[in-house]
Protein backbone atom coordinates (compact mmCIF):
# COMPACT_ATOMS: atom_id res chain seq x y z
CA MET A 1 22.88 12.94 -51.74
CA GLU A 2 22.08 9.28 -52.39
CA LYS A 3 18.48 8.06 -52.52
CA GLU A 4 16.42 5.20 -53.92
CA VAL A 5 14.54 5.96 -57.17
CA GLU A 6 12.21 3.98 -59.39
CA ILE A 7 14.19 2.56 -62.29
CA SER A 8 11.30 3.52 -64.59
CA SER A 9 11.88 7.19 -63.72
CA LEU A 10 15.39 7.24 -65.25
CA ASP A 11 15.87 9.13 -68.54
CA CYS A 12 18.61 7.35 -70.53
CA ARG A 13 19.15 9.95 -73.28
CA TYR A 14 22.95 9.79 -72.70
CA GLU A 15 23.24 6.02 -72.94
CA ASP A 16 24.83 6.22 -76.40
CA PHE A 17 27.49 8.58 -75.01
CA ARG A 18 29.05 5.70 -73.05
CA ILE A 19 30.99 2.81 -74.53
CA LYS A 20 29.44 -0.63 -73.98
CA ASN A 21 31.55 -3.55 -72.79
CA ARG A 22 29.63 -6.81 -72.99
CA HIS A 23 32.22 -8.83 -71.07
CA ALA A 24 32.38 -6.37 -68.17
CA GLU A 25 28.60 -6.10 -68.15
CA ALA A 26 28.20 -9.88 -67.92
CA GLN A 27 30.51 -9.94 -64.89
CA LEU A 28 28.61 -7.05 -63.31
CA LEU A 29 25.30 -8.84 -63.88
CA ALA A 30 26.58 -11.86 -61.95
CA SER A 31 27.81 -9.62 -59.12
CA ILE A 32 24.56 -7.64 -58.84
CA SER A 33 22.49 -10.82 -58.85
CA GLN A 34 24.39 -11.94 -55.71
CA HIS A 35 25.17 -8.70 -53.89
CA GLY A 36 22.84 -6.06 -55.35
CA ILE A 37 23.93 -2.65 -56.66
CA LEU A 38 26.78 -1.50 -54.43
CA GLU A 39 27.51 1.85 -56.10
CA ALA A 40 24.87 4.49 -56.77
CA LEU A 41 23.97 5.54 -60.30
CA GLU A 42 24.60 9.23 -61.02
CA GLY A 43 22.76 11.87 -62.97
CA THR A 44 20.85 15.12 -62.82
CA GLY A 45 17.30 16.31 -62.25
CA ALA A 46 14.87 17.48 -59.64
CA GLN A 47 11.86 15.70 -58.07
CA ASP A 48 10.79 12.76 -60.26
CA LYS A 49 12.87 13.71 -63.34
CA HIS A 50 16.20 11.87 -63.32
CA ILE A 51 18.57 12.11 -66.32
CA LEU A 52 21.11 9.31 -66.03
CA LEU A 53 24.75 10.19 -66.81
CA ASN A 54 26.78 7.44 -65.16
CA GLY A 55 25.90 3.84 -64.37
CA PHE A 56 24.34 2.55 -67.58
CA LYS A 57 25.76 -0.95 -67.14
CA ARG A 58 24.22 -1.07 -63.65
CA TYR A 59 20.95 0.23 -65.10
CA ARG A 60 20.81 -2.46 -67.81
CA CYS A 61 21.70 -5.18 -65.30
CA ALA A 62 18.97 -4.00 -62.93
CA LYS A 63 16.45 -4.07 -65.80
CA LYS A 64 17.45 -7.64 -66.70
CA LEU A 65 17.15 -8.74 -63.07
CA GLY A 66 13.81 -7.01 -62.57
CA ILE A 67 15.08 -4.70 -59.81
CA PRO A 68 12.44 -1.96 -59.42
CA GLN A 69 14.49 0.60 -57.43
CA VAL A 70 18.14 1.62 -57.65
CA PRO A 71 20.44 3.87 -55.55
CA TYR A 72 20.85 7.25 -57.24
CA THR A 73 22.98 10.34 -56.63
CA CYS A 74 21.96 13.66 -58.17
CA LEU A 75 25.08 15.54 -59.29
CA ASP A 76 23.07 18.74 -59.85
CA ASN A 77 19.53 19.76 -60.73
CA ASP A 78 20.82 21.48 -63.89
CA GLU A 79 21.62 19.12 -66.78
CA ALA A 80 24.67 21.02 -68.08
CA ILE A 81 26.15 21.41 -64.59
CA GLY A 82 25.59 17.71 -64.00
CA ILE A 83 27.63 16.88 -67.12
CA ILE A 84 30.37 19.23 -65.93
CA GLU A 85 30.40 17.58 -62.50
CA LEU A 86 30.74 14.14 -64.10
CA LEU A 87 33.63 15.36 -66.25
CA LYS A 88 35.32 16.85 -63.18
CA ILE A 89 35.21 13.58 -61.25
CA SER A 90 36.09 11.41 -64.27
CA ASN A 91 39.61 10.83 -62.95
CA THR A 92 38.08 8.44 -60.44
CA LYS A 93 34.84 7.55 -62.26
CA THR A 94 36.77 6.90 -65.43
CA LEU A 95 35.51 8.26 -68.71
CA THR A 96 37.46 7.42 -71.85
CA LEU A 97 38.79 10.22 -74.02
CA LEU A 98 36.04 9.58 -76.58
CA GLU A 99 33.32 9.70 -73.91
CA GLN A 100 34.73 12.97 -72.64
CA ALA A 101 34.73 14.29 -76.21
CA LEU A 102 31.03 13.53 -76.75
CA LEU A 103 29.98 15.12 -73.47
CA ILE A 104 32.05 18.25 -74.12
CA ASN A 105 30.61 18.43 -77.62
CA GLU A 106 27.14 18.33 -76.02
CA LEU A 107 28.05 21.26 -73.75
CA LYS A 108 29.25 23.20 -76.80
CA ASN A 109 26.49 22.45 -79.32
CA VAL A 110 23.40 21.91 -77.15
CA PHE A 111 24.06 24.07 -74.11
CA LYS A 112 25.96 26.71 -76.14
CA LEU A 113 29.01 26.96 -73.89
CA ASN A 114 32.15 28.12 -75.70
CA THR A 115 35.60 26.58 -75.29
CA SER A 116 36.73 29.17 -72.75
CA GLU A 117 33.62 28.71 -70.59
CA ILE A 118 33.93 24.92 -70.60
CA ALA A 119 37.63 25.13 -69.72
CA THR A 120 36.94 27.50 -66.84
CA LYS A 121 34.12 25.37 -65.40
CA LEU A 122 36.25 22.22 -65.62
CA ALA A 123 39.41 23.95 -64.35
CA ARG A 124 41.16 22.75 -67.50
CA SER A 125 43.12 24.50 -70.23
CA LYS A 126 41.42 25.60 -73.45
CA SER A 127 43.72 23.29 -75.39
CA TRP A 128 42.49 20.32 -73.29
CA VAL A 129 38.92 21.16 -74.30
CA SER A 130 39.85 21.89 -77.93
CA VAL A 131 41.54 18.50 -78.35
CA ARG A 132 38.33 16.75 -77.32
CA ILE A 133 36.13 18.93 -79.53
CA GLY A 134 38.46 18.22 -82.47
CA LEU A 135 38.37 14.50 -81.73
CA CYS A 136 34.58 14.52 -81.76
CA ASN A 137 34.51 16.43 -85.05
CA GLU A 138 36.74 13.91 -86.81
CA LEU A 139 34.78 10.88 -85.58
CA SER A 140 32.20 9.75 -88.16
CA ASP A 141 28.77 8.55 -87.03
CA ASN A 142 29.47 5.08 -88.44
CA ILE A 143 32.77 4.60 -86.59
CA ARG A 144 31.33 6.11 -83.41
CA GLN A 145 28.45 3.63 -83.48
CA LYS A 146 30.81 0.66 -83.89
CA ILE A 147 33.09 1.81 -81.07
CA PHE A 148 30.30 2.63 -78.62
CA ASN A 149 28.44 -0.62 -79.39
CA ASP A 150 31.53 -2.70 -78.50
CA GLN A 151 32.16 -3.79 -82.10
CA PHE A 152 35.53 -2.04 -82.50
CA PRO A 153 38.00 -1.16 -79.71
CA ALA A 154 38.30 2.51 -78.83
CA TYR A 155 42.01 1.92 -78.14
CA SER A 156 42.59 0.72 -81.71
CA TYR A 157 40.92 3.80 -83.13
CA MET A 158 42.78 6.22 -80.85
CA TYR A 159 46.25 4.76 -80.97
CA THR A 160 46.43 2.83 -84.24
CA LEU A 161 44.09 4.30 -86.84
CA ARG A 162 44.53 7.96 -85.86
CA GLN A 163 48.29 7.51 -86.24
CA PHE A 164 47.76 6.45 -89.85
CA MET A 165 45.54 9.50 -90.39
CA ARG A 166 48.09 11.92 -88.92
CA ILE A 167 51.39 10.44 -90.08
CA ASN A 168 50.45 8.73 -93.33
CA ALA A 169 47.63 11.09 -94.35
CA ILE A 170 45.15 8.23 -94.81
CA SER A 171 41.70 9.58 -95.68
CA LYS A 172 38.66 9.29 -93.41
CA GLU A 173 36.94 7.21 -96.10
CA GLU A 174 39.73 4.61 -96.06
CA ILE A 175 39.69 4.49 -92.25
CA GLU A 176 35.93 3.91 -92.32
CA GLN A 177 36.28 1.11 -94.89
CA PHE A 178 38.83 -0.64 -92.69
CA VAL A 179 36.67 -0.30 -89.56
CA ASP A 180 33.69 -1.72 -91.47
CA ALA A 181 35.81 -4.66 -92.63
CA VAL A 182 37.11 -5.75 -89.21
CA SER A 183 34.33 -4.70 -86.80
CA GLY A 184 32.45 -7.33 -84.85
CA LYS A 185 35.11 -10.02 -85.44
CA LYS A 186 36.25 -10.15 -81.78
CA LEU A 187 39.82 -9.41 -82.84
CA SER A 188 42.50 -8.50 -80.33
CA ILE A 189 44.05 -5.03 -80.34
CA ARG A 190 47.30 -6.61 -81.57
CA ASP A 191 45.52 -8.37 -84.46
CA ILE A 192 43.78 -5.13 -85.49
CA GLU A 193 47.14 -3.34 -85.47
CA ARG A 194 48.68 -5.99 -87.74
CA LEU A 195 45.69 -5.89 -90.10
CA ALA A 196 45.79 -2.08 -90.22
CA TYR A 197 49.47 -2.11 -91.14
CA SER A 198 48.73 -4.64 -93.91
CA TYR A 199 45.68 -2.70 -95.13
CA PHE A 200 47.24 0.75 -95.29
CA LYS A 201 50.89 -0.05 -95.99
CA GLY A 202 50.82 -3.47 -97.61
CA PRO A 203 50.10 -4.49 -101.22
CA ASP A 204 46.61 -4.10 -102.70
CA GLU A 205 46.12 -7.86 -102.45
CA PHE A 206 46.11 -7.62 -98.64
CA LYS A 207 43.58 -4.81 -98.71
CA GLU A 208 41.25 -6.78 -100.98
CA GLN A 209 41.48 -9.89 -98.80
CA ILE A 210 40.62 -7.88 -95.69
CA LYS A 211 37.68 -6.21 -97.47
CA ASN A 212 36.45 -9.65 -98.55
CA ASN A 213 36.60 -10.93 -94.95
CA ASN A 214 39.38 -13.40 -95.74
CA LEU A 215 41.31 -12.55 -92.59
CA SER A 216 42.70 -16.06 -92.12
CA TRP A 217 44.59 -15.71 -95.43
CA VAL A 218 46.08 -12.41 -94.27
CA PHE A 219 47.16 -13.82 -90.89
CA GLU A 220 48.78 -16.80 -92.61
CA ARG A 221 50.79 -14.47 -94.83
CA LEU A 222 51.74 -12.32 -91.85
CA LYS A 223 53.25 -15.37 -90.13
CA GLU A 224 55.99 -15.15 -92.74
CA VAL A 225 56.88 -11.62 -91.58
CA PRO A 226 59.07 -11.57 -88.44
CA ASN A 227 57.71 -9.42 -85.61
CA ASP A 228 61.19 -8.28 -84.61
CA PRO A 229 62.48 -5.55 -86.96
CA ASP A 230 65.91 -5.90 -85.32
CA GLY A 231 66.30 -9.14 -87.22
CA CYS A 232 67.46 -6.87 -90.06
CA ASN A 233 70.96 -5.49 -90.34
CA GLN A 234 71.63 -1.75 -90.65
CA ARG A 235 71.60 -1.75 -94.47
CA GLU A 236 68.30 -3.65 -94.53
CA ARG A 237 66.67 -1.33 -91.98
CA ARG A 238 67.65 1.68 -94.12
CA MET A 239 66.03 0.03 -97.15
CA ILE A 240 62.82 -0.68 -95.20
CA ASN A 241 62.77 2.95 -94.06
CA ASP A 242 63.27 4.19 -97.65
CA LEU A 243 60.41 2.02 -98.90
CA GLU A 244 58.11 3.35 -96.15
CA ILE A 245 59.02 6.94 -97.05
CA LEU A 246 58.45 6.28 -100.76
CA GLN A 247 55.03 4.74 -100.11
CA LYS A 248 54.04 7.56 -97.75
CA TYR A 249 54.88 10.34 -100.20
CA MET A 250 53.38 8.53 -103.18
CA GLN A 251 50.07 8.48 -101.31
CA LYS A 252 50.36 12.13 -100.30
CA VAL A 253 51.21 13.31 -103.82
CA MET A 254 48.35 11.31 -105.36
CA ARG A 255 45.90 13.01 -103.04
CA LYS A 256 47.33 16.51 -103.34
CA THR A 257 47.34 16.59 -107.15
CA HIS A 258 43.53 16.90 -107.08
CA ASP A 259 43.64 20.17 -105.11
CA LYS A 260 41.87 22.92 -107.12
CA LYS A 261 43.41 25.74 -105.10
CA TYR A 262 46.70 25.76 -106.99
CA THR A 263 46.81 29.01 -109.03
CA ASN A 264 50.34 30.43 -108.93
CA PRO A 265 52.15 30.32 -112.35
CA ALA A 266 55.50 29.90 -110.58
CA PHE A 267 54.11 26.86 -108.76
CA PHE A 268 52.88 25.25 -111.99
CA ALA A 269 56.23 25.85 -113.74
CA GLN A 270 58.18 24.09 -110.97
CA ALA A 271 55.56 21.37 -110.49
CA ASN A 272 55.57 20.60 -114.22
CA LEU A 273 59.35 20.31 -114.26
CA LEU A 274 59.44 18.00 -111.26
CA SER A 275 56.51 15.81 -112.31
CA GLY A 276 58.07 15.43 -115.76
CA GLY A 277 61.32 14.25 -114.18
CA ILE A 278 59.43 11.73 -112.05
CA LEU A 279 57.47 10.43 -115.06
CA SER A 280 60.70 9.92 -116.99
CA LYS A 281 61.79 7.45 -114.28
CA GLN A 282 58.39 5.80 -113.87
CA THR A 283 59.01 2.82 -116.15
CA ALA A 284 62.40 2.09 -114.62
CA LEU A 285 61.06 2.43 -111.06
CA THR A 286 58.11 0.14 -111.80
CA GLN A 287 60.38 -2.52 -113.29
CA VAL A 288 62.86 -2.35 -110.41
CA LEU A 289 60.09 -2.59 -107.81
CA LYS A 290 58.48 -5.55 -109.60
CA GLU A 291 61.79 -7.42 -109.62
CA PHE A 292 62.41 -6.57 -105.96
CA TYR A 293 58.87 -7.62 -105.03
CA ASP A 294 59.34 -10.99 -106.74
CA ARG A 295 62.76 -11.53 -105.16
CA SER A 296 61.58 -10.63 -101.65
CA GLY A 297 58.50 -12.84 -102.07
CA GLN A 298 60.61 -15.85 -103.08
CA ALA A 299 62.94 -15.29 -100.13
């Protein structure tokens, strides 16, 4: 049931669970200044205790405009049930996947609901809940802060960087270094994708330039690379694919050699034989790649 509440009575403990969008908030501020708040804020609580769950942009706009009272709908008197109700209606009151993940993680860690209980209350599968719990677990505090403070796009993390983590086995530390390097630059999603490809799959020189904030140099170099891979013939596409596979497995092997859990004598015998064979070709491979690098650079 909707009612008017004092804005000072709102508890904003979940504000950091929602992604900020400064551009959208500026547009909303202009709209509220002319027409007022047209959609009620939502949260939990009984009597004068109101824990805000949805409507933080409206709340901040009201504060800036000095509006003392706001329309408010109580989803439930119980905090955990209120979070569940918000998650259930999030198809229409859209929550991003990351926002869902943080709220589900709160239900699990603070309110002590297990995966099965959360799934049942949300009428979702356990795998749906588990995906979001796993996503929350892999998200570092530093990256979370940059995403939720509108310094790095959530889309770029979800659909660009996580692909590098899953397919190319890039470490969390490297992902965090990249996010630190490009956050707050007001880059487009496309530009971040191009920089990520250069950072994780390009030569070390590109990585160093990105770390040193010399992004203009990187973009100038990338102008020389055609966006259309179909500009290559079949033989050239196969070579590009082979180089990508070689780079991918070089990175994987370098990481896996540090694993201390290898103990089987049969494993060491075969690994020694194979690594020796690779080392015997190392000089030739390095020389061939240097020549090919120089030739492709001149072209």
